[in-house]
């Protein structure tokens, strides 16, 4: 009988608190992931400094020859004929592709994911892609 009591003591004293701790940690991790995925799509809050493929810093704020991120976004939205408030999951980065400095713009609209490469100097659409999300 004493052996059974010792097993119950171990179970209630150690195993249940450990399991409850694991559950609490998992719940905290889930909450942090959900909160971390919320994005503010105000373009004023998007950092203009982006690291390109070779690790060097591209500083949009120091190159007056580049169009703004808002202008690049407007070019892509006008190409489809939609407004900024109708898109989700907006991501804009200054990058170097196709031998040019481009804005890489991606967003979701309705059931599709759109991707654009906009020339950062003249605003030309270098590449666009649409796929079912």
N, C-alpha and C. Protein backbone atom coordinates (compact mmCIF):
# COMPACT_ATOMS: atom_id res chain seq x y z
N UNK A 1 0.82 -1.19 0.00
CA UNK A 1 0.00 0.00 0.00
C UNK A 1 0.86 1.26 0.00
N UNK A 2 1.97 1.22 0.74
CA UNK A 2 2.86 2.37 0.82
C UNK A 2 3.52 2.65 -0.53
N UNK A 3 3.83 1.61 -1.30
CA UNK A 3 4.43 1.77 -2.62
C UNK A 3 3.47 2.51 -3.55
N UNK A 4 2.19 2.18 -3.48
CA UNK A 4 1.19 2.85 -4.30
C UNK A 4 1.05 4.31 -3.90
N UNK A 5 1.13 4.58 -2.61
CA UNK A 5 1.05 5.96 -2.12
C UNK A 5 2.24 6.77 -2.62
N UNK A 6 3.43 6.18 -2.65
CA UNK A 6 4.62 6.87 -3.14
C UNK A 6 4.48 7.21 -4.63
N UNK A 7 3.89 6.29 -5.40
CA UNK A 7 3.69 6.57 -6.83
C UNK A 7 2.73 7.73 -7.02
N UNK A 8 1.66 7.76 -6.23
CA UNK A 8 0.70 8.86 -6.32
C UNK A 8 1.34 10.18 -5.90
N UNK A 9 2.17 10.14 -4.87
CA UNK A 9 2.85 11.35 -4.42
C UNK A 9 3.77 11.89 -5.51
N UNK A 10 4.51 11.01 -6.15
CA UNK A 10 5.41 11.42 -7.23
C UNK A 10 4.61 12.02 -8.39
N UNK A 11 3.50 11.35 -8.72
CA UNK A 11 2.67 11.82 -9.82
C UNK A 11 2.14 13.23 -9.55
N UNK A 12 1.55 13.43 -8.37
CA UNK A 12 0.96 14.73 -8.06
C UNK A 12 2.01 15.78 -7.72
N UNK A 13 3.14 15.38 -7.20
CA UNK A 13 4.17 16.33 -6.78
C UNK A 13 5.06 16.77 -7.94
N UNK A 14 5.31 15.90 -8.91
CA UNK A 14 6.27 16.22 -9.96
C UNK A 14 5.68 16.22 -11.37
N UNK A 15 4.99 15.16 -11.71
CA UNK A 15 4.57 14.99 -13.10
C UNK A 15 3.49 15.99 -13.49
N UNK A 16 2.47 16.18 -12.71
CA UNK A 16 1.41 17.13 -13.04
C UNK A 16 1.95 18.55 -13.15
N UNK A 17 2.76 19.05 -12.20
CA UNK A 17 3.31 20.40 -12.38
C UNK A 17 4.17 20.55 -13.63
N UNK A 18 4.92 19.51 -13.98
CA UNK A 18 5.74 19.57 -15.19
C UNK A 18 4.84 19.66 -16.43
N UNK A 19 3.79 18.83 -16.47
CA UNK A 19 2.87 18.88 -17.61
C UNK A 19 2.15 20.23 -17.71
N UNK A 20 1.73 20.76 -16.58
CA UNK A 20 1.09 22.07 -16.59
C UNK A 20 2.05 23.15 -17.06
N UNK A 21 3.29 23.08 -16.65
CA UNK A 21 4.30 24.04 -17.09
C UNK A 21 4.50 23.98 -18.60
N UNK A 22 4.55 22.79 -19.14
CA UNK A 22 4.72 22.61 -20.58
C UNK A 22 3.53 23.21 -21.33
N UNK A 23 2.32 22.98 -20.82
CA UNK A 23 1.12 23.53 -21.46
C UNK A 23 1.16 25.05 -21.44
N UNK A 24 1.54 25.65 -20.31
CA UNK A 24 1.62 27.11 -20.20
C UNK A 24 2.65 27.66 -21.18
N UNK A 25 3.80 27.03 -21.27
CA UNK A 25 4.85 27.48 -22.19
C UNK A 25 4.36 27.40 -23.63
N UNK A 26 3.67 26.33 -24.00
CA UNK A 26 3.14 26.20 -25.36
C UNK A 26 2.09 27.27 -25.66
N UNK A 27 1.24 27.56 -24.69
CA UNK A 27 0.23 28.61 -24.89
C UNK A 27 0.89 29.98 -25.06
N UNK A 28 1.91 30.26 -24.28
CA UNK A 28 2.63 31.53 -24.42
C UNK A 28 3.28 31.62 -25.80
N UNK A 29 3.88 30.52 -26.25
CA UNK A 29 4.53 30.50 -27.57
C UNK A 29 3.50 30.75 -28.68
N UNK A 30 2.33 30.16 -28.57
CA UNK A 30 1.28 30.35 -29.57
C UNK A 30 0.83 31.81 -29.60
N UNK A 31 0.63 32.40 -28.43
CA UNK A 31 0.21 33.80 -28.36
C UNK A 31 1.27 34.70 -28.98
N UNK A 32 2.54 34.45 -28.67
CA UNK A 32 3.62 35.26 -29.24
C UNK A 32 3.70 35.12 -30.76
N UNK A 33 3.48 33.93 -31.26
CA UNK A 33 3.49 33.73 -32.71
C UNK A 33 2.34 34.47 -33.38
N UNK A 34 1.16 34.41 -32.79
CA UNK A 34 0.01 35.10 -33.36
C UNK A 34 0.23 36.61 -33.33
N UNK A 35 0.70 37.13 -32.21
CA UNK A 35 0.95 38.57 -32.12
C UNK A 35 2.09 39.00 -33.02
N UNK A 36 3.09 38.15 -33.19
CA UNK A 36 4.24 38.47 -34.03
C UNK A 36 3.90 38.52 -35.50
N UNK A 37 2.82 37.85 -35.92
CA UNK A 37 2.43 37.83 -37.32
C UNK A 37 1.55 39.00 -37.73
N UNK A 38 1.10 39.79 -36.75
CA UNK A 38 0.33 40.98 -37.09
C UNK A 38 1.28 42.04 -37.59
N UNK A 39 0.97 42.61 -38.75
CA UNK A 39 1.85 43.59 -39.36
C UNK A 39 1.13 44.92 -39.48
N UNK A 40 1.90 45.98 -39.33
CA UNK A 40 1.38 47.32 -39.58
C UNK A 40 1.76 47.67 -41.01
N UNK A 41 0.77 47.87 -41.85
CA UNK A 41 1.04 48.10 -43.25
C UNK A 41 1.17 49.57 -43.61
N UNK A 42 1.37 50.42 -42.61
CA UNK A 42 1.65 51.82 -42.88
C UNK A 42 3.06 51.90 -43.44
N UNK A 43 3.21 52.39 -44.64
CA UNK A 43 4.53 52.39 -45.28
C UNK A 43 5.53 53.28 -44.57
N UNK A 44 5.07 54.21 -43.75
CA UNK A 44 6.00 55.04 -42.99
C UNK A 44 6.77 54.20 -41.97
N UNK A 45 6.22 53.05 -41.59
CA UNK A 45 6.86 52.20 -40.59
C UNK A 45 7.72 51.11 -41.19
N UNK A 46 7.78 51.02 -42.51
CA UNK A 46 8.63 50.02 -43.15
C UNK A 46 10.04 50.58 -43.24
N UNK A 47 10.99 49.86 -42.69
CA UNK A 47 12.37 50.32 -42.66
C UNK A 47 12.93 50.41 -44.08
N UNK A 48 13.50 51.57 -44.41
CA UNK A 48 14.08 51.74 -45.74
C UNK A 48 15.43 51.07 -45.88
N UNK A 49 16.05 50.66 -44.80
CA UNK A 49 17.35 50.01 -44.88
C UNK A 49 17.16 48.51 -44.99
N UNK A 50 17.62 47.94 -46.08
CA UNK A 50 17.46 46.53 -46.34
C UNK A 50 18.82 45.94 -46.67
N UNK A 51 19.04 44.71 -46.26
CA UNK A 51 20.29 44.02 -46.57
C UNK A 51 20.10 43.26 -47.87
N UNK A 52 21.02 43.46 -48.82
CA UNK A 52 20.87 42.75 -50.09
C UNK A 52 21.58 41.39 -50.03
N UNK A 53 21.60 40.67 -51.16
CA UNK A 53 22.10 39.30 -51.19
C UNK A 53 23.54 39.16 -50.72
N UNK A 54 24.38 40.15 -50.98
CA UNK A 54 25.79 40.00 -50.59
C UNK A 54 26.07 40.59 -49.21
N UNK A 55 25.02 40.94 -48.45
CA UNK A 55 25.19 41.38 -47.08
C UNK A 55 25.44 42.86 -46.90
N UNK A 56 25.45 43.62 -47.98
CA UNK A 56 25.68 45.06 -47.84
C UNK A 56 24.36 45.78 -47.65
N UNK A 57 24.43 46.93 -47.04
CA UNK A 57 23.24 47.69 -46.70
C UNK A 57 22.80 48.55 -47.88
N UNK A 58 21.54 48.46 -48.24
CA UNK A 58 20.96 49.34 -49.24
C UNK A 58 20.18 50.38 -48.47
N UNK A 59 20.57 51.61 -48.54
CA UNK A 59 19.93 52.67 -47.77
C UNK A 59 19.12 53.55 -48.71
N UNK A 60 17.82 53.33 -48.73
CA UNK A 60 16.93 54.08 -49.63
C UNK A 60 16.87 55.55 -49.24
N UNK A 61 17.09 55.86 -47.97
CA UNK A 61 16.93 57.24 -47.53
C UNK A 61 18.06 58.14 -48.03
N UNK A 62 19.19 57.57 -48.46
CA UNK A 62 20.31 58.38 -48.91
C UNK A 62 20.40 58.49 -50.42
N UNK A 63 19.57 57.79 -51.15
CA UNK A 63 19.63 57.84 -52.60
C UNK A 63 18.37 58.54 -53.11
N UNK A 64 18.51 59.80 -53.47
CA UNK A 64 17.37 60.58 -53.95
C UNK A 64 16.93 60.18 -55.34
N UNK A 65 17.70 59.31 -56.00
CA UNK A 65 17.32 58.87 -57.34
C UNK A 65 16.22 57.81 -57.31
N UNK A 66 15.98 57.19 -56.17
CA UNK A 66 15.00 56.12 -56.07
C UNK A 66 13.60 56.69 -55.87
N UNK A 67 12.63 56.05 -56.49
CA UNK A 67 11.24 56.39 -56.17
C UNK A 67 10.96 55.86 -54.77
N UNK A 68 9.91 56.33 -54.14
CA UNK A 68 9.59 55.89 -52.78
C UNK A 68 8.93 54.51 -52.82
N UNK A 69 8.88 53.88 -51.66
CA UNK A 69 8.19 52.59 -51.56
C UNK A 69 6.71 52.77 -51.87
N UNK A 70 6.15 53.88 -51.43
CA UNK A 70 4.73 54.13 -51.71
C UNK A 70 4.49 54.26 -53.20
N UNK A 71 5.38 54.96 -53.91
CA UNK A 71 5.23 55.08 -55.36
C UNK A 71 5.34 53.72 -56.04
N UNK A 72 6.29 52.90 -55.60
CA UNK A 72 6.45 51.57 -56.18
C UNK A 72 5.21 50.72 -55.92
N UNK A 73 4.69 50.81 -54.71
CA UNK A 73 3.48 50.06 -54.40
C UNK A 73 2.31 50.54 -55.26
N UNK A 74 2.17 51.83 -55.40
CA UNK A 74 1.08 52.38 -56.22
C UNK A 74 1.17 51.90 -57.67
N UNK A 75 2.38 51.78 -58.18
CA UNK A 75 2.56 51.29 -59.56
C UNK A 75 2.02 49.87 -59.68
N UNK A 76 2.35 49.02 -58.70
CA UNK A 76 1.88 47.63 -58.76
C UNK A 76 0.36 47.55 -58.56
N UNK A 77 -0.18 48.35 -57.65
CA UNK A 77 -1.63 48.32 -57.41
C UNK A 77 -2.40 48.85 -58.62
N UNK A 78 -1.89 49.92 -59.23
CA UNK A 78 -2.54 50.48 -60.43
C UNK A 78 -2.52 49.49 -61.58
N UNK A 79 -1.48 48.66 -61.64
CA UNK A 79 -1.38 47.65 -62.69
C UNK A 79 -2.54 46.66 -62.60
N UNK A 80 -3.01 46.40 -61.40
CA UNK A 80 -4.12 45.46 -61.19
C UNK A 80 -5.45 46.20 -61.14
N UNK A 81 -5.41 47.46 -60.73
CA UNK A 81 -6.63 48.24 -60.59
C UNK A 81 -7.29 48.09 -59.23
N UNK A 82 -6.46 47.98 -58.17
CA UNK A 82 -7.00 47.85 -56.82
C UNK A 82 -6.39 48.93 -55.92
N UNK A 83 -6.90 49.02 -54.70
CA UNK A 83 -6.40 50.01 -53.74
C UNK A 83 -5.62 49.32 -52.62
N UNK A 84 -4.82 50.11 -51.93
CA UNK A 84 -3.96 49.57 -50.88
C UNK A 84 -4.77 48.96 -49.73
N UNK A 85 -5.92 49.52 -49.43
CA UNK A 85 -6.70 49.00 -48.30
C UNK A 85 -7.37 47.66 -48.60
N UNK A 86 -7.26 47.16 -49.82
CA UNK A 86 -7.87 45.87 -50.16
C UNK A 86 -6.87 44.72 -50.16
N UNK A 87 -5.60 44.99 -49.84
CA UNK A 87 -4.58 43.94 -49.89
C UNK A 87 -4.22 43.47 -48.48
N UNK A 88 -3.63 42.29 -48.41
CA UNK A 88 -3.16 41.70 -47.15
C UNK A 88 -1.71 41.26 -47.31
N UNK A 89 -1.04 41.10 -46.19
CA UNK A 89 0.32 40.55 -46.14
C UNK A 89 1.30 41.29 -47.04
N UNK A 90 1.30 42.59 -46.94
CA UNK A 90 2.19 43.42 -47.75
C UNK A 90 3.63 43.29 -47.29
N UNK A 91 4.54 43.12 -48.24
CA UNK A 91 5.97 43.09 -47.95
C UNK A 91 6.68 43.85 -49.07
N UNK A 92 7.50 44.84 -48.70
CA UNK A 92 8.26 45.62 -49.68
C UNK A 92 9.71 45.65 -49.24
N UNK A 93 10.60 45.26 -50.14
CA UNK A 93 12.03 45.29 -49.85
C UNK A 93 12.78 45.87 -51.05
N UNK A 94 13.81 46.62 -50.74
CA UNK A 94 14.71 47.11 -51.78
C UNK A 94 15.75 46.03 -52.01
N UNK A 95 15.92 45.62 -53.26
CA UNK A 95 16.80 44.49 -53.56
C UNK A 95 17.51 44.74 -54.89
N UNK A 96 18.40 43.84 -55.24
CA UNK A 96 19.13 43.93 -56.50
C UNK A 96 18.82 42.67 -57.30
N UNK A 97 18.03 42.82 -58.38
CA UNK A 97 17.64 41.70 -59.23
C UNK A 97 17.67 42.17 -60.68
N UNK A 98 17.91 41.24 -61.57
CA UNK A 98 17.90 41.54 -63.01
C UNK A 98 18.89 42.65 -63.36
N UNK A 99 19.96 42.76 -62.60
CA UNK A 99 20.98 43.77 -62.86
C UNK A 99 20.56 45.18 -62.48
N UNK A 100 19.51 45.32 -61.68
CA UNK A 100 19.01 46.63 -61.30
C UNK A 100 18.62 46.64 -59.83
N UNK A 101 18.57 47.84 -59.25
CA UNK A 101 18.00 47.99 -57.92
C UNK A 101 16.49 48.06 -58.09
N UNK A 102 15.78 47.17 -57.41
CA UNK A 102 14.33 47.06 -57.57
C UNK A 102 13.65 47.01 -56.21
N UNK A 103 12.39 47.39 -56.21
CA UNK A 103 11.54 47.12 -55.06
C UNK A 103 10.88 45.78 -55.31
N UNK A 104 11.08 44.86 -54.39
CA UNK A 104 10.41 43.57 -54.45
C UNK A 104 9.15 43.71 -53.60
N UNK A 105 8.00 43.64 -54.23
CA UNK A 105 6.73 43.87 -53.57
C UNK A 105 5.89 42.60 -53.66
N UNK A 106 5.38 42.15 -52.52
CA UNK A 106 4.47 41.01 -52.54
C UNK A 106 3.29 41.31 -51.62
N UNK A 107 2.13 40.81 -52.02
CA UNK A 107 0.92 40.98 -51.22
C UNK A 107 -0.13 39.98 -51.68
N UNK A 108 -1.16 39.83 -50.87
CA UNK A 108 -2.27 38.96 -51.21
C UNK A 108 -3.50 39.82 -51.49
N UNK A 109 -4.25 39.40 -52.51
CA UNK A 109 -5.52 40.04 -52.85
C UNK A 109 -6.48 38.96 -53.28
N UNK A 110 -7.60 38.92 -52.59
CA UNK A 110 -8.59 37.86 -52.79
C UNK A 110 -7.90 36.51 -52.63
N UNK A 111 -7.95 35.64 -53.60
CA UNK A 111 -7.36 34.30 -53.46
C UNK A 111 -5.98 34.19 -54.10
N UNK A 112 -5.37 35.33 -54.43
CA UNK A 112 -4.11 35.30 -55.16
C UNK A 112 -2.99 35.99 -54.40
N UNK A 113 -1.78 35.51 -54.65
CA UNK A 113 -0.58 36.19 -54.17
C UNK A 113 0.07 36.87 -55.38
N UNK A 114 0.39 38.14 -55.22
CA UNK A 114 1.01 38.92 -56.27
C UNK A 114 2.45 39.24 -55.89
N UNK A 115 3.31 39.26 -56.89
CA UNK A 115 4.71 39.63 -56.68
C UNK A 115 5.12 40.56 -57.81
N UNK A 116 5.76 41.66 -57.44
CA UNK A 116 6.23 42.63 -58.42
C UNK A 116 7.68 42.98 -58.14
N UNK A 117 8.43 43.20 -59.21
CA UNK A 117 9.74 43.85 -59.13
C UNK A 117 9.62 45.15 -59.88
N UNK A 118 9.75 46.25 -59.16
CA UNK A 118 9.61 47.59 -59.73
C UNK A 118 10.99 48.25 -59.73
N UNK A 119 11.43 48.74 -60.88
CA UNK A 119 12.70 49.45 -60.98
C UNK A 119 12.68 50.63 -60.00
N UNK A 120 13.66 50.68 -59.11
CA UNK A 120 13.68 51.70 -58.05
C UNK A 120 14.01 53.09 -58.58
N UNK A 121 14.52 53.18 -59.79
CA UNK A 121 14.88 54.49 -60.33
C UNK A 121 13.77 55.05 -61.23
N UNK A 122 13.28 54.24 -62.17
CA UNK A 122 12.30 54.79 -63.13
C UNK A 122 10.87 54.27 -62.94
N UNK A 123 10.64 53.35 -62.01
CA UNK A 123 9.30 52.86 -61.74
C UNK A 123 8.77 51.83 -62.72
N UNK A 124 9.61 51.35 -63.62
CA UNK A 124 9.19 50.36 -64.61
C UNK A 124 8.94 49.02 -63.93
N UNK A 125 7.88 48.33 -64.36
CA UNK A 125 7.62 46.98 -63.86
C UNK A 125 8.57 46.03 -64.56
N UNK A 126 9.51 45.48 -63.82
CA UNK A 126 10.52 44.57 -64.37
C UNK A 126 9.96 43.16 -64.48
N UNK A 127 9.17 42.79 -63.46
CA UNK A 127 8.64 41.43 -63.41
C UNK A 127 7.36 41.47 -62.57
N UNK A 128 6.37 40.70 -62.99
CA UNK A 128 5.17 40.54 -62.16
C UNK A 128 4.72 39.09 -62.24
N UNK A 129 4.14 38.65 -61.14
CA UNK A 129 3.74 37.26 -61.04
C UNK A 129 2.49 37.17 -60.19
N UNK A 130 1.58 36.32 -60.58
CA UNK A 130 0.34 36.10 -59.85
C UNK A 130 0.12 34.60 -59.74
N UNK A 131 -0.15 34.13 -58.51
CA UNK A 131 -0.44 32.72 -58.35
C UNK A 131 -1.54 32.53 -57.33
N UNK A 132 -2.26 31.45 -57.47
CA UNK A 132 -3.32 31.11 -56.53
C UNK A 132 -2.70 30.84 -55.17
N UNK A 133 -3.20 31.52 -54.16
CA UNK A 133 -2.63 31.39 -52.82
C UNK A 133 -3.20 30.19 -52.09
